[in-house]
Amino acid sequence: MDLAPAAYALLFAAGLSGGFIDAIAGGGGLITVPTLLWAGLPPQLALGTNKAQSSCGTILAVSRYAHAGLVGWGEVRLSAALSFLGSMAGAWTVELIGNEVLRRVIPWMLLAVVVYVALSPRLGQGASKARLDATLFAWLFGLTLGFYDGFFGPGTGSFLVFLFVRWLGYDFLNASASAKLINTATNLSALLLFAYKGHVWWHIAL
């Protein structure tokens, strides 16, 4: 696919701003997915290509958070493993549905996520007492959010931050760090399937 130089410039800006937002609290896909669709990519290719670029961002974010000792490896490793499986199932569902259905569904999903984030200005702020065991948390939210991220994706990081704060009692910084580990697992899982199916345009992702 041959794009105009201005389109590449916009994709670069979208990747830069989306990655910055993702590293802090998640939600960068609300910028990158619409931009990829605007550039003319079919929905399956837009979602697959988005996973390629977002994987780079989350891997770098995890490495920085881990270096600072902010990732709770023991509590989130099961969530990461289950979310990896859930994301693979979500990406496979995208393959089964096809582009025509996705063209009708994606705008409404984007709108729903935007409304949710807009109505939650204090999303993930402040720490609280843990209300769930980490294992139960992994089975409840690791699989479901993993599936969502593989199927669609935007907002997953923000949802994870909120859930870590709400149910495991994390403060915002530790919640964001652990959310990035899970987000990396879901991104790489979906990317493996999308790449295998040929739904990643690497030159656009780069």
C-alpha atoms as a PDB file:
ATOM      1  CA  MET A   1       0.000   0.000   0.000  1.00  0.00           C
ATOM      2  CA  ASP A   2       1.466   3.327  -1.092  1.00  0.00           C
ATOM      3  CA  LEU A   3       0.568   6.266   1.144  1.00  0.00           C
ATOM      4  CA  ALA A   4       1.215   9.962   0.697  1.00  0.00           C
ATOM      5  CA  PRO A   5       4.082  11.450   2.757  1.00  0.00           C
ATOM      6  CA  ALA A   6       1.534  13.416   4.801  1.00  0.00           C
ATOM      7  CA  ALA A   7      -0.192  10.138   5.771  1.00  0.00           C
ATOM      8  CA  TYR A   8       3.104   8.685   7.013  1.00  0.00           C
ATOM      9  CA  ALA A   9       3.714  11.857   9.003  1.00  0.00           C
ATOM     10  CA  LEU A  10       0.297  11.537  10.630  1.00  0.00           C
ATOM     11  CA  LEU A  11       0.881   7.852  11.401  1.00  0.00           C
ATOM     12  CA  PHE A  12       4.217   8.758  12.990  1.00  0.00           C
ATOM     13  CA  ALA A  13       2.548  11.416  15.143  1.00  0.00           C
ATOM     14  CA  ALA A  14      -0.229   9.003  16.108  1.00  0.00           C
ATOM     15  CA  GLY A  15       2.290   6.344  17.110  1.00  0.00           C
ATOM     16  CA  LEU A  16       4.285   8.839  19.153  1.00  0.00           C
ATOM     17  CA  SER A  17       1.289  10.215  21.038  1.00  0.00           C
ATOM     18  CA  GLY A  18      -0.386   6.811  21.386  1.00  0.00           C
ATOM     19  CA  GLY A  19       2.774   5.272  22.802  1.00  0.00           C
ATOM     20  CA  PHE A  20       3.203   8.132  25.270  1.00  0.00           C
ATOM     21  CA  ILE A  21      -0.366   7.746  26.532  1.00  0.00           C
ATOM     22  CA  ASP A  22      -0.092   3.954  26.685  1.00  0.00           C
ATOM     23  CA  ALA A  23       3.054   4.135  28.810  1.00  0.00           C
ATOM     24  CA  ILE A  24       1.283   6.281  31.397  1.00  0.00           C
ATOM     25  CA  ALA A  25      -2.244   4.954  31.713  1.00  0.00           C
ATOM     26  CA  GLY A  26      -3.283   3.121  28.535  1.00  0.00           C
ATOM     27  CA  GLY A  27      -5.730   4.142  25.851  1.00  0.00           C
ATOM     28  CA  GLY A  28      -3.281   4.928  23.068  1.00  0.00           C
ATOM     29  CA  GLY A  29      -5.232   2.670  20.734  1.00  0.00           C
ATOM     30  CA  LEU A  30      -7.979   5.286  20.734  1.00  0.00           C
ATOM     31  CA  ILE A  31      -5.529   7.370  18.694  1.00  0.00           C
ATOM     32  CA  THR A  32      -3.709   4.761  16.619  1.00  0.00           C
ATOM     33  CA  VAL A  33      -6.587   2.518  15.494  1.00  0.00           C
ATOM     34  CA  PRO A  34      -8.723   5.360  14.039  1.00  0.00           C
ATOM     35  CA  THR A  35      -5.615   6.786  12.359  1.00  0.00           C
ATOM     36  CA  LEU A  36      -4.822   3.452  10.708  1.00  0.00           C
ATOM     37  CA  LEU A  37      -8.422   3.159   9.529  1.00  0.00           C
ATOM     38  CA  TRP A  38      -8.278   6.735   8.217  1.00  0.00           C
ATOM     39  CA  ALA A  39      -5.128   5.840   6.275  1.00  0.00           C
ATOM     40  CA  GLY A  40      -7.206   3.281   4.384  1.00  0.00           C
ATOM     41  CA  LEU A  41      -6.248   0.001   6.030  1.00  0.00           C
ATOM     42  CA  PRO A  42      -9.032  -2.625   6.141  1.00  0.00           C
ATOM     43  CA  PRO A  43     -10.156  -3.381   9.738  1.00  0.00           C
ATOM     44  CA  GLN A  44      -8.263  -6.667  10.096  1.00  0.00           C
ATOM     45  CA  LEU A  45      -5.054  -5.067   8.824  1.00  0.00           C
ATOM     46  CA  ALA A  46      -5.589  -1.991  10.997  1.00  0.00           C
ATOM     47  CA  LEU A  47      -5.975  -4.129  14.136  1.00  0.00           C
ATOM     48  CA  GLY A  48      -3.020  -6.356  13.230  1.00  0.00           C
ATOM     49  CA  THR A  49      -0.741  -3.457  12.333  1.00  0.00           C
ATOM     50  CA  ASN A  50      -1.758  -1.666  15.523  1.00  0.00           C
ATOM     51  CA  LYS A  51      -0.647  -4.707  17.538  1.00  0.00           C
ATOM     52  CA  ALA A  52       2.796  -4.539  15.941  1.00  0.00           C
ATOM     53  CA  GLN A  53       3.407  -0.926  16.910  1.00  0.00           C
ATOM     54  CA  SER A  54       1.770  -1.196  20.343  1.00  0.00           C
ATOM     55  CA  SER A  55       3.898  -4.250  21.176  1.00  0.00           C
ATOM     56  CA  CYS A  56       7.020  -2.114  20.779  1.00  0.00           C
ATOM     57  CA  GLY A  57       5.609   0.507  23.130  1.00  0.00           C
ATOM     58  CA  THR A  58       4.499  -1.872  25.869  1.00  0.00           C
ATOM     59  CA  ILE A  59       7.775  -3.851  25.785  1.00  0.00           C
ATOM     60  CA  LEU A  60       9.764  -0.653  26.303  1.00  0.00           C
ATOM     61  CA  ALA A  61       7.386   0.504  29.055  1.00  0.00           C
ATOM     62  CA  VAL A  62       7.634  -2.829  30.894  1.00  0.00           C
ATOM     63  CA  SER A  63      11.426  -2.757  30.721  1.00  0.00           C
ATOM     64  CA  ARG A  64      11.494   0.690  32.312  1.00  0.00           C
ATOM     65  CA  TYR A  65       8.940  -0.178  34.992  1.00  0.00           C
ATOM     66  CA  ALA A  66      10.736  -3.448  35.770  1.00  0.00           C
ATOM     67  CA  HIS A  67      14.064  -1.653  36.056  1.00  0.00           C
ATOM     68  CA  ALA A  68      12.423   0.643  38.640  1.00  0.00           C
ATOM     69  CA  GLY A  69      11.125  -2.392  40.580  1.00  0.00           C
ATOM     70  CA  LEU A  70       7.465  -1.513  40.051  1.00  0.00           C
ATOM     71  CA  VAL A  71       6.192  -4.729  38.419  1.00  0.00           C
ATOM     72  CA  GLY A  72       4.569  -7.200  40.831  1.00  0.00           C
ATOM     73  CA  TRP A  73       5.757 -10.312  39.013  1.00  0.00           C
ATOM     74  CA  GLY A  74       4.348 -12.806  41.510  1.00  0.00           C
ATOM     75  CA  GLU A  75       0.819 -11.447  41.486  1.00  0.00           C
ATOM     76  CA  VAL A  76       0.478 -10.793  37.768  1.00  0.00           C
ATOM     77  CA  ARG A  77       2.225 -13.709  36.069  1.00  0.00           C
ATOM     78  CA  LEU A  78      -0.932 -15.860  36.043  1.00  0.00           C
ATOM     79  CA  SER A  79      -2.948 -12.909  34.731  1.00  0.00           C
ATOM     80  CA  ALA A  80      -0.355 -12.413  31.996  1.00  0.00           C
ATOM     81  CA  ALA A  81      -0.456 -16.094  30.998  1.00  0.00           C
ATOM     82  CA  LEU A  82      -4.251 -16.240  30.890  1.00  0.00           C
ATOM     83  CA  SER A  83      -4.503 -12.925  29.059  1.00  0.00           C
ATOM     84  CA  PHE A  84      -2.080 -14.289  26.457  1.00  0.00           C
ATOM     85  CA  LEU A  85      -4.491 -17.153  25.780  1.00  0.00           C
ATOM     86  CA  GLY A  86      -7.526 -14.881  25.858  1.00  0.00           C
ATOM     87  CA  SER A  87      -5.931 -12.487  23.386  1.00  0.00           C
ATOM     88  CA  MET A  88      -5.145 -15.319  20.981  1.00  0.00           C
ATOM     89  CA  ALA A  89      -8.817 -16.323  21.093  1.00  0.00           C
ATOM     90  CA  GLY A  90      -9.891 -12.720  20.497  1.00  0.00           C
ATOM     91  CA  ALA A  91      -7.602 -12.321  17.503  1.00  0.00           C
ATOM     92  CA  TRP A  92      -8.866 -15.624  16.096  1.00  0.00           C
ATOM     93  CA  THR A  93     -12.419 -14.310  16.431  1.00  0.00           C
ATOM     94  CA  VAL A  94     -11.426 -11.279  14.347  1.00  0.00           C
ATOM     95  CA  GLU A  95     -10.226 -13.698  11.680  1.00  0.00           C
ATOM     96  CA  LEU A  96     -13.543 -15.542  11.721  1.00  0.00           C
ATOM     97  CA  ILE A  97     -15.741 -12.433  11.611  1.00  0.00           C
ATOM     98  CA  GLY A  98     -14.166 -10.733   8.592  1.00  0.00           C
ATOM     99  CA  ASN A  99     -13.763  -7.131   7.510  1.00  0.00           C
ATOM    100  CA  GLU A 100     -17.362  -6.298   6.621  1.00  0.00           C
ATOM    101  CA  VAL A 101     -18.719  -7.015  10.090  1.00  0.00           C
ATOM    102  CA  LEU A 102     -15.745  -5.261  11.672  1.00  0.00           C
ATOM    103  CA  ARG A 103     -16.412  -2.115   9.626  1.00  0.00           C
ATOM    104  CA  ARG A 104     -19.844  -1.905  11.233  1.00  0.00           C
ATOM    105  CA  VAL A 105     -18.762  -2.877  14.751  1.00  0.00           C
ATOM    106  CA  ILE A 106     -15.493  -0.979  15.286  1.00  0.00           C
ATOM    107  CA  PRO A 107     -16.888   2.600  15.198  1.00  0.00           C
ATOM    108  CA  TRP A 108     -19.419   1.724  17.908  1.00  0.00           C
ATOM    109  CA  MET A 109     -16.777   0.009  20.034  1.00  0.00           C
ATOM    110  CA  LEU A 110     -14.510   3.028  19.713  1.00  0.00           C
ATOM    111  CA  LEU A 111     -17.368   5.325  20.730  1.00  0.00           C
ATOM    112  CA  ALA A 112     -18.197   3.153  23.758  1.00  0.00           C
ATOM    113  CA  VAL A 113     -14.582   3.208  24.984  1.00  0.00           C
ATOM    114  CA  VAL A 114     -14.290   6.980  24.472  1.00  0.00           C
ATOM    115  CA  VAL A 115     -17.488   7.585  26.459  1.00  0.00           C
ATOM    116  CA  TYR A 116     -16.316   5.274  29.253  1.00  0.00           C
ATOM    117  CA  VAL A 117     -12.938   6.995  29.581  1.00  0.00           C
ATOM    118  CA  ALA A 118     -14.513  10.469  29.373  1.00  0.00           C
ATOM    119  CA  LEU A 119     -16.909   9.625  32.194  1.00  0.00           C
ATOM    120  CA  SER A 120     -14.083   8.289  34.377  1.00  0.00           C
ATOM    121  CA  PRO A 121     -11.753  11.275  34.928  1.00  0.00           C
ATOM    122  CA  ARG A 122     -10.371   9.748  38.141  1.00  0.00           C
ATOM    123  CA  LEU A 123      -9.779   6.340  36.576  1.00  0.00           C
ATOM    124  CA  GLY A 124      -7.247   4.461  38.697  1.00  0.00           C
ATOM    125  CA  GLN A 125      -6.414   7.262  41.137  1.00  0.00           C
ATOM    126  CA  GLY A 126      -5.614   6.379  44.726  1.00  0.00           C
ATOM    127  CA  ALA A 127      -4.961   3.046  46.399  1.00  0.00           C
ATOM    128  CA  SER A 128      -7.508   0.850  48.157  1.00  0.00           C
ATOM    129  CA  LYS A 129      -7.689  -2.396  50.085  1.00  0.00           C
ATOM    130  CA  ALA A 130      -7.384  -5.587  48.028  1.00  0.00           C
ATOM    131  CA  ARG A 131     -10.816  -7.120  47.429  1.00  0.00           C
ATOM    132  CA  LEU A 132      -9.865 -10.155  45.348  1.00  0.00           C
ATOM    133  CA  ASP A 133      -7.277 -12.898  45.518  1.00  0.00           C
ATOM    134  CA  ALA A 134      -4.723 -12.512  42.714  1.00  0.00           C
ATOM    135  CA  THR A 135      -5.588 -15.966  41.317  1.00  0.00           C
ATOM    136  CA  LEU A 136      -9.311 -15.203  41.112  1.00  0.00           C
ATOM    137  CA  PHE A 137      -8.463 -11.824  39.612  1.00  0.00           C
ATOM    138  CA  ALA A 138      -6.434 -13.553  36.900  1.00  0.00           C
ATOM    139  CA  TRP A 139      -9.252 -15.911  35.916  1.00  0.00           C
ATOM    140  CA  LEU A 140     -11.928 -13.208  35.996  1.00  0.00           C
ATOM    141  CA  PHE A 141     -10.091 -10.401  34.250  1.00  0.00           C
ATOM    142  CA  GLY A 142      -7.010 -11.929  32.630  1.00  0.00           C
ATOM    143  CA  LEU A 143      -9.039 -14.037  30.229  1.00  0.00           C
ATOM    144  CA  THR A 144     -11.811 -11.513  29.544  1.00  0.00           C
ATOM    145  CA  LEU A 145      -9.617  -8.467  28.988  1.00  0.00           C
ATOM    146  CA  GLY A 146      -7.160 -10.632  27.078  1.00  0.00           C
ATOM    147  CA  PHE A 147      -9.955 -11.609  24.704  1.00  0.00           C
ATOM    148  CA  TYR A 148     -11.058  -7.983  24.381  1.00  0.00           C
ATOM    149  CA  ASP A 149      -7.525  -6.826  23.597  1.00  0.00           C
ATOM    150  CA  GLY A 150      -7.044  -9.506  20.956  1.00  0.00           C
ATOM    151  CA  PHE A 151     -10.412  -8.752  19.390  1.00  0.00           C
ATOM    152  CA  PHE A 152     -10.264  -4.947  19.527  1.00  0.00           C
ATOM    153  CA  GLY A 153      -7.867  -3.406  22.038  1.00  0.00           C
ATOM    154  CA  PRO A 154      -8.250   0.348  22.630  1.00  0.00           C
ATOM    155  CA  GLY A 155      -8.642   1.175  26.320  1.00  0.00           C
ATOM    156  CA  THR A 156      -7.335  -2.170  27.602  1.00  0.00           C
ATOM    157  CA  GLY A 157      -4.480  -0.543  29.510  1.00  0.00           C
ATOM    158  CA  SER A 158      -6.827   1.918  31.205  1.00  0.00           C
ATOM    159  CA  PHE A 159      -9.245  -0.852  32.156  1.00  0.00           C
ATOM    160  CA  LEU A 160      -6.396  -2.877  33.648  1.00  0.00           C
ATOM    161  CA  VAL A 161      -5.117   0.060  35.700  1.00  0.00           C
ATOM    162  CA  PHE A 162      -8.608   0.643  37.086  1.00  0.00           C
ATOM    163  CA  LEU A 163      -9.058  -3.055  37.924  1.00  0.00           C
ATOM    164  CA  PHE A 164      -5.676  -3.332  39.662  1.00  0.00           C
ATOM    165  CA  VAL A 165      -6.542  -0.335  41.806  1.00  0.00           C
ATOM    166  CA  ARG A 166     -10.128  -1.408  42.437  1.00  0.00           C
ATOM    167  CA  TRP A 167      -9.635  -5.114  43.164  1.00  0.00           C
ATOM    168  CA  LEU A 168      -5.976  -5.615  44.167  1.00  0.00           C
ATOM    169  CA  GLY A 169      -5.458  -2.338  46.026  1.00  0.00           C
ATOM    170  CA  TYR A 170      -2.555  -1.080  43.890  1.00  0.00           C
ATOM    171  CA  ASP A 171      -1.659   2.578  43.695  1.00  0.00           C
ATOM    172  CA  PHE A 172      -1.684   4.180  40.259  1.00  0.00           C
ATOM    173  CA  LEU A 173       2.040   3.758  39.494  1.00  0.00           C
ATOM    174  CA  ASN A 174       2.242   0.068  40.428  1.00  0.00           C
ATOM    175  CA  ALA A 175      -1.074  -0.605  38.708  1.00  0.00           C
ATOM    176  CA  SER A 176       0.201   0.992  35.516  1.00  0.00           C
ATOM    177  CA  ALA A 177       3.419  -1.033  35.657  1.00  0.00           C
ATOM    178  CA  SER A 178       1.626  -4.356  36.144  1.00  0.00           C
ATOM    179  CA  ALA A 179      -0.961  -3.463  33.520  1.00  0.00           C
ATOM    180  CA  LYS A 180       1.848  -2.978  31.006  1.00  0.00           C
ATOM    181  CA  LEU A 181       3.127  -6.496  31.626  1.00  0.00           C
ATOM    182  CA  ILE A 182      -0.314  -7.963  30.860  1.00  0.00           C
ATOM    183  CA  ASN A 183      -0.755  -5.624  27.915  1.00  0.00           C
ATOM    184  CA  THR A 184       2.565  -6.819  26.505  1.00  0.00           C
ATOM    185  CA  ALA A 185       1.367 -10.429  26.751  1.00  0.00           C
ATOM    186  CA  THR A 186      -1.914  -9.637  24.979  1.00  0.00           C
ATOM    187  CA  ASN A 187      -0.226  -7.563  22.289  1.00  0.00           C
ATOM    188  CA  LEU A 188       2.360 -10.219  21.461  1.00  0.00           C
ATOM    189  CA  SER A 189      -0.236 -12.996  21.478  1.00  0.00           C
ATOM    190  CA  ALA A 190      -2.541 -11.206  19.047  1.00  0.00           C
ATOM    191  CA  LEU A 191       0.437 -10.103  16.942  1.00  0.00           C
ATOM    192  CA  LEU A 192       1.573 -13.704  16.502  1.00  0.00           C
ATOM    193  CA  LEU A 193      -1.800 -14.707  15.075  1.00  0.00           C
ATOM    194  CA  PHE A 194      -2.291 -11.577  12.975  1.00  0.00           C
ATOM    195  CA  ALA A 195       1.208 -11.915  11.524  1.00  0.00           C
ATOM    196  CA  TYR A 196       0.640 -15.611  10.778  1.00  0.00           C
ATOM    197  CA  LYS A 197      -2.562 -14.697   8.929  1.00  0.00           C
ATOM    198  CA  GLY A 198      -0.852 -11.896   7.011  1.00  0.00           C
ATOM    199  CA  HIS A 199      -2.803  -9.115   8.729  1.00  0.00           C
ATOM    200  CA  VAL A 200       0.212  -6.938   9.565  1.00  0.00           C
ATOM    201  CA  TRP A 201       1.657  -4.391   7.167  1.00  0.00           C
ATOM    202  CA  TRP A 202       5.101  -4.060   8.663  1.00  0.00           C
ATOM    203  CA  HIS A 203       6.175  -0.946   6.741  1.00  0.00           C
ATOM    204  CA  ILE A 204       3.121   0.889   8.124  1.00  0.00           C
ATOM    205  CA  ALA A 205       3.761  -0.474  11.626  1.00  0.00           C
ATOM    206  CA  LEU A 206       7.379   0.650  11.503  1.00  0.00           C
END
